[in-house]
């Protein structure tokens, strides 16, 4: 599955619109995770959500490294999820 919508320039996007896109992406992710989302996994996902909302590239990088080390399957899910991957890529492209 691919997301063919154009990459958004996050610098010109309103905070409300970005917040909405992040919420939609993580709502979709949480639905896909379903019963696999233990309290520890939900906490990790919330840290990622917060870092993306705050455009905190360093925090996001640290949280992704933690997820990769502790929850390899979740890291794979994040990489395959088109909306999440798009948000991460946008943050990386901004050079933050």
PDB file of N, CA and C in Angstrom:
ATOM      1  N   UNK A   1       0.838  -1.166   0.000  1.00  0.00           N
ATOM      2  CA  UNK A   1       0.000   0.000   0.000  1.00  0.00           C
ATOM      3  C   UNK A   1       0.887   1.235   0.000  1.00  0.00           C
ATOM      4  N   UNK A   2       0.543   2.208  -0.838  1.00  0.00           N
ATOM      5  CA  UNK A   2       1.298   3.447  -0.872  1.00  0.00           C
ATOM      6  C   UNK A   2       0.352   4.613  -0.679  1.00  0.00           C
ATOM      7  N   UNK A   3       0.894   5.691  -0.188  1.00  0.00           N
ATOM      8  CA  UNK A   3       0.151   6.924   0.000  1.00  0.00           C
ATOM      9  C   UNK A   3       0.628   7.865  -1.088  1.00  0.00           C
ATOM     10  N   UNK A   4      -0.224   8.118  -2.089  1.00  0.00           N
ATOM     11  CA  UNK A   4       0.175   8.906  -3.247  1.00  0.00           C
ATOM     12  C   UNK A   4      -0.048  10.404  -3.083  1.00  0.00           C
ATOM     13  N   UNK A   5      -0.486  10.840  -1.909  1.00  0.00           N
ATOM     14  CA  UNK A   5      -0.674  12.271  -1.711  1.00  0.00           C
ATOM     15  C   UNK A   5       0.685  12.943  -1.646  1.00  0.00           C
ATOM     16  N   UNK A   6       0.767  14.179  -2.123  1.00  0.00           N
ATOM     17  CA  UNK A   6       2.072  14.852  -2.126  1.00  0.00           C
ATOM     18  C   UNK A   6       2.584  15.108  -0.720  1.00  0.00           C
ATOM     19  N   UNK A   7       3.901  15.163  -0.602  1.00  0.00           N
ATOM     20  CA  UNK A   7       4.524  15.475   0.683  1.00  0.00           C
ATOM     21  C   UNK A   7       4.180  16.916   1.027  1.00  0.00           C
ATOM     22  N   UNK A   8       3.724  17.130   2.239  1.00  0.00           N
ATOM     23  CA  UNK A   8       3.336  18.455   2.688  1.00  0.00           C
ATOM     24  C   UNK A   8       4.551  19.218   3.179  1.00  0.00           C
ATOM     25  N   UNK A   9       4.626  20.498   2.846  1.00  0.00           N
ATOM     26  CA  UNK A   9       5.686  21.343   3.387  1.00  0.00           C
ATOM     27  C   UNK A   9       5.250  21.733   4.789  1.00  0.00           C
ATOM     28  N   UNK A  10       5.770  21.038   5.783  1.00  0.00           N
ATOM     29  CA  UNK A  10       5.354  21.216   7.169  1.00  0.00           C
ATOM     30  C   UNK A  10       5.648  22.606   7.698  1.00  0.00           C
ATOM     31  N   UNK A  11       6.574  23.311   7.088  1.00  0.00           N
ATOM     32  CA  UNK A  11       6.902  24.653   7.570  1.00  0.00           C
ATOM     33  C   UNK A  11       5.775  25.630   7.330  1.00  0.00           C
ATOM     34  N   UNK A  12       4.993  25.434   6.253  1.00  0.00           N
ATOM     35  CA  UNK A  12       3.908  26.355   5.941  1.00  0.00           C
ATOM     36  C   UNK A  12       2.550  25.829   6.401  1.00  0.00           C
ATOM     37  N   UNK A  13       2.513  24.636   6.891  1.00  0.00           N
ATOM     38  CA  UNK A  13       1.271  24.023   7.347  1.00  0.00           C
ATOM     39  C   UNK A  13       0.859  24.608   8.701  1.00  0.00           C
ATOM     40  N   UNK A  14      -0.424  24.842   8.876  1.00  0.00           N
ATOM     41  CA  UNK A  14      -0.886  25.359  10.168  1.00  0.00           C
ATOM     42  C   UNK A  14      -0.743  24.283  11.234  1.00  0.00           C
ATOM     43  N   UNK A  15      -0.606  24.742  12.476  1.00  0.00           N
ATOM     44  CA  UNK A  15      -0.459  23.805  13.597  1.00  0.00           C
ATOM     45  C   UNK A  15      -1.685  22.905  13.702  1.00  0.00           C
ATOM     46  N   UNK A  16      -2.855  23.459  13.474  1.00  0.00           N
ATOM     47  CA  UNK A  16      -4.087  22.670  13.552  1.00  0.00           C
ATOM     48  C   UNK A  16      -4.146  21.580  12.496  1.00  0.00           C
ATOM     49  N   UNK A  17      -3.743  21.912  11.293  1.00  0.00           N
ATOM     50  CA  UNK A  17      -3.757  20.924  10.207  1.00  0.00           C
ATOM     51  C   UNK A  17      -2.730  19.825  10.479  1.00  0.00           C
ATOM     52  N   UNK A  18      -1.564  20.207  10.952  1.00  0.00           N
ATOM     53  CA  UNK A  18      -0.533  19.205  11.267  1.00  0.00           C
ATOM     54  C   UNK A  18      -1.014  18.304  12.395  1.00  0.00           C
ATOM     55  N   UNK A  19      -1.592  18.904  13.415  1.00  0.00           N
ATOM     56  CA  UNK A  19      -2.114  18.134  14.540  1.00  0.00           C
ATOM     57  C   UNK A  19      -3.169  17.135  14.064  1.00  0.00           C
ATOM     58  N   UNK A  20      -4.000  17.570  13.155  1.00  0.00           N
ATOM     59  CA  UNK A  20      -5.041  16.694  12.595  1.00  0.00           C
ATOM     60  C   UNK A  20      -4.425  15.525  11.822  1.00  0.00           C
ATOM     61  N   UNK A  21      -3.413  15.817  11.008  1.00  0.00           N
ATOM     62  CA  UNK A  21      -2.758  14.744  10.244  1.00  0.00           C
ATOM     63  C   UNK A  21      -2.064  13.743  11.160  1.00  0.00           C
ATOM     64  N   UNK A  22      -1.407  14.248  12.203  1.00  0.00           N
ATOM     65  CA  UNK A  22      -0.736  13.361  13.151  1.00  0.00           C
ATOM     66  C   UNK A  22      -1.774  12.499  13.876  1.00  0.00           C
ATOM     67  N   UNK A  23      -2.863  13.116  14.318  1.00  0.00           N
ATOM     68  CA  UNK A  23      -3.917  12.370  15.017  1.00  0.00           C
ATOM     69  C   UNK A  23      -4.500  11.281  14.122  1.00  0.00           C
ATOM     70  N   UNK A  24      -4.795  11.610  12.880  1.00  0.00           N
ATOM     71  CA  UNK A  24      -5.351  10.619  11.949  1.00  0.00           C
ATOM     72  C   UNK A  24      -4.382   9.466  11.722  1.00  0.00           C
ATOM     73  N   UNK A  25      -3.112   9.787  11.552  1.00  0.00           N
ATOM     74  CA  UNK A  25      -2.108   8.750  11.306  1.00  0.00           C
ATOM     75  C   UNK A  25      -1.997   7.815  12.507  1.00  0.00           C
ATOM     76  N   UNK A  26      -1.954   8.376  13.701  1.00  0.00           N
ATOM     77  CA  UNK A  26      -1.797   7.539  14.886  1.00  0.00           C
ATOM     78  C   UNK A  26      -3.084   6.813  15.260  1.00  0.00           C
ATOM     79  N   UNK A  27      -4.242   7.392  14.957  1.00  0.00           N
ATOM     80  CA  UNK A  27      -5.494   6.661  15.156  1.00  0.00           C
ATOM     81  C   UNK A  27      -5.514   5.428  14.265  1.00  0.00           C
ATOM     82  N   UNK A  28      -5.087   5.606  13.023  1.00  0.00           N
ATOM     83  CA  UNK A  28      -5.014   4.499  12.076  1.00  0.00           C
ATOM     84  C   UNK A  28      -4.008   3.447  12.548  1.00  0.00           C
ATOM     85  N   UNK A  29      -2.858   3.894  13.025  1.00  0.00           N
ATOM     86  CA  UNK A  29      -1.842   2.970  13.536  1.00  0.00           C
ATOM     87  C   UNK A  29      -2.383   2.189  14.733  1.00  0.00           C
ATOM     88  N   UNK A  30      -2.996   2.887  15.680  1.00  0.00           N
ATOM     89  CA  UNK A  30      -3.525   2.211  16.868  1.00  0.00           C
ATOM     90  C   UNK A  30      -4.579   1.175  16.503  1.00  0.00           C
ATOM     91  N   UNK A  31      -5.397   1.470  15.511  1.00  0.00           N
ATOM     92  CA  UNK A  31      -6.392   0.494  15.059  1.00  0.00           C
ATOM     93  C   UNK A  31      -5.704  -0.732  14.463  1.00  0.00           C
ATOM     94  N   UNK A  32      -4.612  -0.510  13.723  1.00  0.00           N
ATOM     95  CA  UNK A  32      -3.883  -1.626  13.113  1.00  0.00           C
ATOM     96  C   UNK A  32      -3.173  -2.475  14.169  1.00  0.00           C
ATOM     97  N   UNK A  33      -2.731  -1.830  15.247  1.00  0.00           N
ATOM     98  CA  UNK A  33      -2.013  -2.572  16.296  1.00  0.00           C
ATOM     99  C   UNK A  33      -2.959  -3.403  17.149  1.00  0.00           C
ATOM    100  N   UNK A  34      -4.168  -2.919  17.341  1.00  0.00           N
ATOM    101  CA  UNK A  34      -5.218  -3.609  18.103  1.00  0.00           C
ATOM    102  C   UNK A  34      -4.698  -4.244  19.387  1.00  0.00           C
ATOM    103  N   UNK A  35      -4.880  -5.552  19.532  1.00  0.00           N
ATOM    104  CA  UNK A  35      -4.553  -6.254  20.780  1.00  0.00           C
ATOM    105  C   UNK A  35      -3.048  -6.368  21.038  1.00  0.00           C
ATOM    106  N   UNK A  36      -2.230  -6.098  20.028  1.00  0.00           N
ATOM    107  CA  UNK A  36      -0.776  -6.147  20.235  1.00  0.00           C
ATOM    108  C   UNK A  36      -0.274  -4.936  21.008  1.00  0.00           C
ATOM    109  N   UNK A  37      -1.121  -3.933  21.154  1.00  0.00           N
ATOM    110  CA  UNK A  37      -0.723  -2.687  21.812  1.00  0.00           C
ATOM    111  C   UNK A  37      -0.806  -2.837  23.330  1.00  0.00           C
ATOM    112  N   UNK A  38       0.251  -3.366  23.908  1.00  0.00           N
ATOM    113  CA  UNK A  38       0.359  -3.482  25.362  1.00  0.00           C
ATOM    114  C   UNK A  38       0.541  -2.077  25.943  1.00  0.00           C
ATOM    115  N   UNK A  39       0.419  -1.921  27.253  1.00  0.00           N
ATOM    116  CA  UNK A  39       0.662  -0.596  27.841  1.00  0.00           C
ATOM    117  C   UNK A  39       2.044  -0.035  27.486  1.00  0.00           C
ATOM    118  N   UNK A  40       3.056  -0.880  27.450  1.00  0.00           N
ATOM    119  CA  UNK A  40       4.407  -0.436  27.095  1.00  0.00           C
ATOM    120  C   UNK A  40       4.467   0.044  25.643  1.00  0.00           C
ATOM    121  N   UNK A  41       3.802  -0.662  24.766  1.00  0.00           N
ATOM    122  CA  UNK A  41       3.770  -0.276  23.353  1.00  0.00           C
ATOM    123  C   UNK A  41       2.988   1.025  23.185  1.00  0.00           C
ATOM    124  N   UNK A  42       1.858   1.159  23.867  1.00  0.00           N
ATOM    125  CA  UNK A  42       1.075   2.394  23.783  1.00  0.00           C
ATOM    126  C   UNK A  42       1.893   3.598  24.264  1.00  0.00           C
ATOM    127  N   UNK A  43       2.676   3.402  25.314  1.00  0.00           N
ATOM    128  CA  UNK A  43       3.524   4.480  25.820  1.00  0.00           C
ATOM    129  C   UNK A  43       4.564   4.882  24.772  1.00  0.00           C
ATOM    130  N   UNK A  44       5.178   3.897  24.126  1.00  0.00           N
ATOM    131  CA  UNK A  44       6.170   4.173  23.089  1.00  0.00           C
ATOM    132  C   UNK A  44       5.534   4.924  21.915  1.00  0.00           C
ATOM    133  N   UNK A  45       4.340   4.509  21.528  1.00  0.00           N
ATOM    134  CA  UNK A  45       3.636   5.154  20.419  1.00  0.00           C
ATOM    135  C   UNK A  45       3.290   6.601  20.786  1.00  0.00           C
ATOM    136  N   UNK A  46       2.882   6.830  22.006  1.00  0.00           N
ATOM    137  CA  UNK A  46       2.547   8.195  22.440  1.00  0.00           C
ATOM    138  C   UNK A  46       3.772   9.104  22.449  1.00  0.00           C
ATOM    139  N   UNK A  47       4.928   8.565  22.797  1.00  0.00           N
ATOM    140  CA  UNK A  47       6.170   9.357  22.759  1.00  0.00           C
ATOM    141  C   UNK A  47       6.492   9.756  21.315  1.00  0.00           C
ATOM    142  N   UNK A  48       6.278   8.838  20.395  1.00  0.00           N
ATOM    143  CA  UNK A  48       6.504   9.145  18.985  1.00  0.00           C
ATOM    144  C   UNK A  48       5.525  10.209  18.504  1.00  0.00           C
ATOM    145  N   UNK A  49       4.262  10.068  18.887  1.00  0.00           N
ATOM    146  CA  UNK A  49       3.238  11.044  18.499  1.00  0.00           C
ATOM    147  C   UNK A  49       3.631  12.441  19.004  1.00  0.00           C
ATOM    148  N   UNK A  50       4.011  12.517  20.261  1.00  0.00           N
ATOM    149  CA  UNK A  50       4.374  13.810  20.858  1.00  0.00           C
ATOM    150  C   UNK A  50       5.568  14.433  20.135  1.00  0.00           C
ATOM    151  N   UNK A  51       6.563  13.631  19.820  1.00  0.00           N
ATOM    152  CA  UNK A  51       7.747  14.147  19.131  1.00  0.00           C
ATOM    153  C   UNK A  51       7.386  14.677  17.747  1.00  0.00           C
ATOM    154  N   UNK A  52       6.503  13.986  17.042  1.00  0.00           N
ATOM    155  CA  UNK A  52       6.075  14.453  15.723  1.00  0.00           C
ATOM    156  C   UNK A  52       5.258  15.732  15.834  1.00  0.00           C
ATOM    157  N   UNK A  53       4.389  15.807  16.815  1.00  0.00           N
ATOM    158  CA  UNK A  53       3.593  17.023  17.006  1.00  0.00           C
ATOM    159  C   UNK A  53       4.473  18.227  17.313  1.00  0.00           C
ATOM    160  N   UNK A  54       5.515  18.004  18.086  1.00  0.00           N
ATOM    161  CA  UNK A  54       6.413  19.081  18.497  1.00  0.00           C
ATOM    162  C   UNK A  54       7.519  19.356  17.478  1.00  0.00           C
ATOM    163  N   UNK A  55       7.546  18.565  16.419  1.00  0.00           N
ATOM    164  CA  UNK A  55       8.606  18.649  15.404  1.00  0.00           C
ATOM    165  C   UNK A  55       9.975  18.501  16.065  1.00  0.00           C
ATOM    166  N   UNK A  56      10.043  17.568  16.992  1.00  0.00           N
ATOM    167  CA  UNK A  56      11.260  17.292  17.769  1.00  0.00           C
ATOM    168  C   UNK A  56      12.022  16.147  17.113  1.00  0.00           C
ATOM    169  N   UNK A  57      12.900  16.499  16.169  1.00  0.00           N
ATOM    170  CA  UNK A  57      13.628  15.481  15.418  1.00  0.00           C
ATOM    171  C   UNK A  57      14.538  14.650  16.308  1.00  0.00           C
ATOM    172  N   UNK A  58      15.220  15.297  17.246  1.00  0.00           N
ATOM    173  CA  UNK A  58      16.122  14.565  18.145  1.00  0.00           C
ATOM    174  C   UNK A  58      15.337  13.609  19.032  1.00  0.00           C
ATOM    175  N   UNK A  59      14.230  14.078  19.565  1.00  0.00           N
ATOM    176  CA  UNK A  59      13.383  13.215  20.390  1.00  0.00           C
ATOM    177  C   UNK A  59      12.824  12.063  19.590  1.00  0.00           C
ATOM    178  N   UNK A  60      12.370  12.362  18.379  1.00  0.00           N
ATOM    179  CA  UNK A  60      11.828  11.320  17.518  1.00  0.00           C
ATOM    180  C   UNK A  60      12.881  10.272  17.215  1.00  0.00           C
ATOM    181  N   UNK A  61      14.087  10.723  16.895  1.00  0.00           N
ATOM    182  CA  UNK A  61      15.173   9.793  16.595  1.00  0.00           C
ATOM    183  C   UNK A  61      15.455   8.877  17.784  1.00  0.00           C
ATOM    184  N   UNK A  62      15.506   9.452  18.970  1.00  0.00           N
ATOM    185  CA  UNK A  62      15.748   8.653  20.173  1.00  0.00           C
ATOM    186  C   UNK A  62      14.639   7.661  20.441  1.00  0.00           C
ATOM    187  N   UNK A  63      13.395   8.102  20.270  1.00  0.00           N
ATOM    188  CA  UNK A  63      12.258   7.205  20.506  1.00  0.00           C
ATOM    189  C   UNK A  63      12.217   6.082  19.468  1.00  0.00           C
ATOM    190  N   UNK A  64      12.542   6.419  18.215  1.00  0.00           N
ATOM    191  CA  UNK A  64      12.573   5.380  17.176  1.00  0.00           C
ATOM    192  C   UNK A  64      13.664   4.350  17.468  1.00  0.00           C
ATOM    193  N   UNK A  65      14.812   4.818  17.923  1.00  0.00           N
ATOM    194  CA  UNK A  65      15.902   3.883  18.272  1.00  0.00           C
ATOM    195  C   UNK A  65      15.477   2.974  19.415  1.00  0.00           C
ATOM    196  N   UNK A  66      14.786   3.526  20.390  1.00  0.00           N
ATOM    197  CA  UNK A  66      14.291   2.739  21.519  1.00  0.00           C
ATOM    198  C   UNK A  66      13.270   1.698  21.052  1.00  0.00           C
ATOM    199  N   UNK A  67      12.360   2.124  20.185  1.00  0.00           N
ATOM    200  CA  UNK A  67      11.355   1.201  19.655  1.00  0.00           C
ATOM    201  C   UNK A  67      12.037   0.092  18.862  1.00  0.00           C
ATOM    202  N   UNK A  68      13.008   0.447  18.048  1.00  0.00           N
ATOM    203  CA  UNK A  68      13.703  -0.557  17.241  1.00  0.00           C
ATOM    204  C   UNK A  68      14.384  -1.591  18.128  1.00  0.00           C
ATOM    205  N   UNK A  69      14.989  -1.128  19.215  1.00  0.00           N
ATOM    206  CA  UNK A  69      15.693  -2.031  20.129  1.00  0.00           C
ATOM    207  C   UNK A  69      14.738  -2.895  20.952  1.00  0.00           C
ATOM    208  N   UNK A  70      13.678  -2.301  21.455  1.00  0.00           N
ATOM    209  CA  UNK A  70      12.792  -2.998  22.393  1.00  0.00           C
ATOM    210  C   UNK A  70      11.601  -3.683  21.733  1.00  0.00           C
ATOM    211  N   UNK A  71      11.154  -3.143  20.606  1.00  0.00           N
ATOM    212  CA  UNK A  71       9.944  -3.662  19.940  1.00  0.00           C
ATOM    213  C   UNK A  71      10.180  -3.691  18.430  1.00  0.00           C
ATOM    214  N   UNK A  72      11.030  -4.578  17.996  1.00  0.00           N
ATOM    215  CA  UNK A  72      11.366  -4.655  16.574  1.00  0.00           C
ATOM    216  C   UNK A  72      10.150  -4.758  15.673  1.00  0.00           C
ATOM    217  N   UNK A  73       9.156  -5.520  16.094  1.00  0.00           N
ATOM    218  CA  UNK A  73       7.942  -5.684  15.280  1.00  0.00           C
ATOM    219  C   UNK A  73       7.209  -4.347  15.128  1.00  0.00           C
ATOM    220  N   UNK A  74       7.198  -3.525  16.182  1.00  0.00           N
ATOM    221  CA  UNK A  74       6.538  -2.219  16.117  1.00  0.00           C
ATOM    222  C   UNK A  74       7.298  -1.290  15.178  1.00  0.00           C
ATOM    223  N   UNK A  75       8.607  -1.338  15.237  1.00  0.00           N
ATOM    224  CA  UNK A  75       9.429  -0.534  14.339  1.00  0.00           C
ATOM    225  C   UNK A  75       9.093  -0.877  12.882  1.00  0.00           C
ATOM    226  N   UNK A  76       8.926  -2.164  12.602  1.00  0.00           N
ATOM    227  CA  UNK A  76       8.548  -2.597  11.256  1.00  0.00           C
ATOM    228  C   UNK A  76       7.175  -2.066  10.875  1.00  0.00           C
ATOM    229  N   UNK A  77       6.245  -2.098  11.813  1.00  0.00           N
ATOM    230  CA  UNK A  77       4.902  -1.567  11.566  1.00  0.00           C
ATOM    231  C   UNK A  77       4.967  -0.074  11.241  1.00  0.00           C
ATOM    232  N   UNK A  78       5.772   0.665  11.990  1.00  0.00           N
ATOM    233  CA  UNK A  78       5.909   2.099  11.756  1.00  0.00           C
ATOM    234  C   UNK A  78       6.479   2.369  10.363  1.00  0.00           C
ATOM    235  N   UNK A  79       7.473   1.607   9.981  1.00  0.00           N
ATOM    236  CA  UNK A  79       8.110   1.789   8.673  1.00  0.00           C
ATOM    237  C   UNK A  79       7.152   1.470   7.533  1.00  0.00           C
ATOM    238  N   UNK A  80       6.259   0.515   7.737  1.00  0.00           N
ATOM    239  CA  UNK A  80       5.302   0.123   6.696  1.00  0.00           C
ATOM    240  C   UNK A  80       4.066   1.010   6.658  1.00  0.00           C
ATOM    241  N   UNK A  81       3.810   1.744   7.729  1.00  0.00           N
ATOM    242  CA  UNK A  81       2.592   2.547   7.790  1.00  0.00           C
ATOM    243  C   UNK A  81       2.793   3.825   6.964  1.00  0.00           C
ATOM    244  N   UNK A  82       2.033   3.997   5.878  1.00  0.00           N
ATOM    245  CA  UNK A  82       2.297   5.116   4.969  1.00  0.00           C
ATOM    246  C   UNK A  82       2.176   6.496   5.615  1.00  0.00           C
ATOM    247  N   UNK A  83       1.191   6.714   6.444  1.00  0.00           N
ATOM    248  CA  UNK A  83       1.013   8.041   7.048  1.00  0.00           C
ATOM    249  C   UNK A  83       2.109   8.349   8.071  1.00  0.00           C
ATOM    250  N   UNK A  84       2.473   7.357   8.852  1.00  0.00           N
ATOM    251  CA  UNK A  84       3.531   7.560   9.854  1.00  0.00           C
ATOM    252  C   UNK A  84       4.864   7.796   9.143  1.00  0.00           C
ATOM    253  N   UNK A  85       5.164   6.960   8.172  1.00  0.00           N
ATOM    254  CA  UNK A  85       6.422   7.107   7.430  1.00  0.00           C
ATOM    255  C   UNK A  85       6.496   8.479   6.759  1.00  0.00           C
ATOM    256  N   UNK A  86       5.384   8.948   6.240  1.00  0.00           N
ATOM    257  CA  UNK A  86       5.347  10.250   5.588  1.00  0.00           C
ATOM    258  C   UNK A  86       5.650  11.371   6.580  1.00  0.00           C
ATOM    259  N   UNK A  87       5.057  11.303   7.757  1.00  0.00           N
ATOM    260  CA  UNK A  87       5.312  12.322   8.780  1.00  0.00           C
ATOM    261  C   UNK A  87       6.778  12.323   9.214  1.00  0.00           C
ATOM    262  N   UNK A  88       7.333  11.131   9.397  1.00  0.00           N
ATOM    263  CA  UNK A  88       8.743  11.026   9.788  1.00  0.00           C
ATOM    264  C   UNK A  88       9.640  11.591   8.688  1.00  0.00           C
ATOM    265  N   UNK A  89       9.330  11.246   7.449  1.00  0.00           N
ATOM    266  CA  UNK A  89      10.119  11.754   6.319  1.00  0.00           C
ATOM    267  C   UNK A  89      10.036  13.273   6.203  1.00  0.00           C
ATOM    268  N   UNK A  90       8.858  13.837   6.418  1.00  0.00           N
ATOM    269  CA  UNK A  90       8.716  15.285   6.361  1.00  0.00           C
ATOM    270  C   UNK A  90       9.600  15.967   7.397  1.00  0.00           C
ATOM    271  N   UNK A  91       9.612  15.413   8.593  1.00  0.00           N
ATOM    272  CA  UNK A  91      10.436  15.979   9.647  1.00  0.00           C
ATOM    273  C   UNK A  91      11.923  15.891   9.284  1.00  0.00           C
ATOM    274  N   UNK A  92      12.309  14.763   8.724  1.00  0.00           N
ATOM    275  CA  UNK A  92      13.704  14.588   8.307  1.00  0.00           C
ATOM    276  C   UNK A  92      14.064  15.553   7.173  1.00  0.00           C
ATOM    277  N   UNK A  93      13.167  15.753   6.234  1.00  0.00           N
ATOM    278  CA  UNK A  93      13.426  16.646   5.113  1.00  0.00           C
ATOM    279  C   UNK A  93      13.535  18.103   5.538  1.00  0.00           C
ATOM    280  N   UNK A  94      12.859  18.450   6.628  1.00  0.00           N
ATOM    281  CA  UNK A  94      12.934  19.820   7.135  1.00  0.00           C
ATOM    282  C   UNK A  94      14.300  20.110   7.727  1.00  0.00           C
ATOM    283  N   UNK A  95      15.066  19.062   7.974  1.00  0.00           N
ATOM    284  CA  UNK A  95      16.407  19.231   8.507  1.00  0.00           C
ATOM    285  C   UNK A  95      16.452  19.600   9.969  1.00  0.00           C
ATOM    286  N   UNK A  96      15.393  19.252  10.665  1.00  0.00           N
ATOM    287  CA  UNK A  96      15.359  19.565  12.095  1.00  0.00           C
ATOM    288  C   UNK A  96      16.211  18.614  12.893  1.00  0.00           C
TER     289      UNK A  96
END
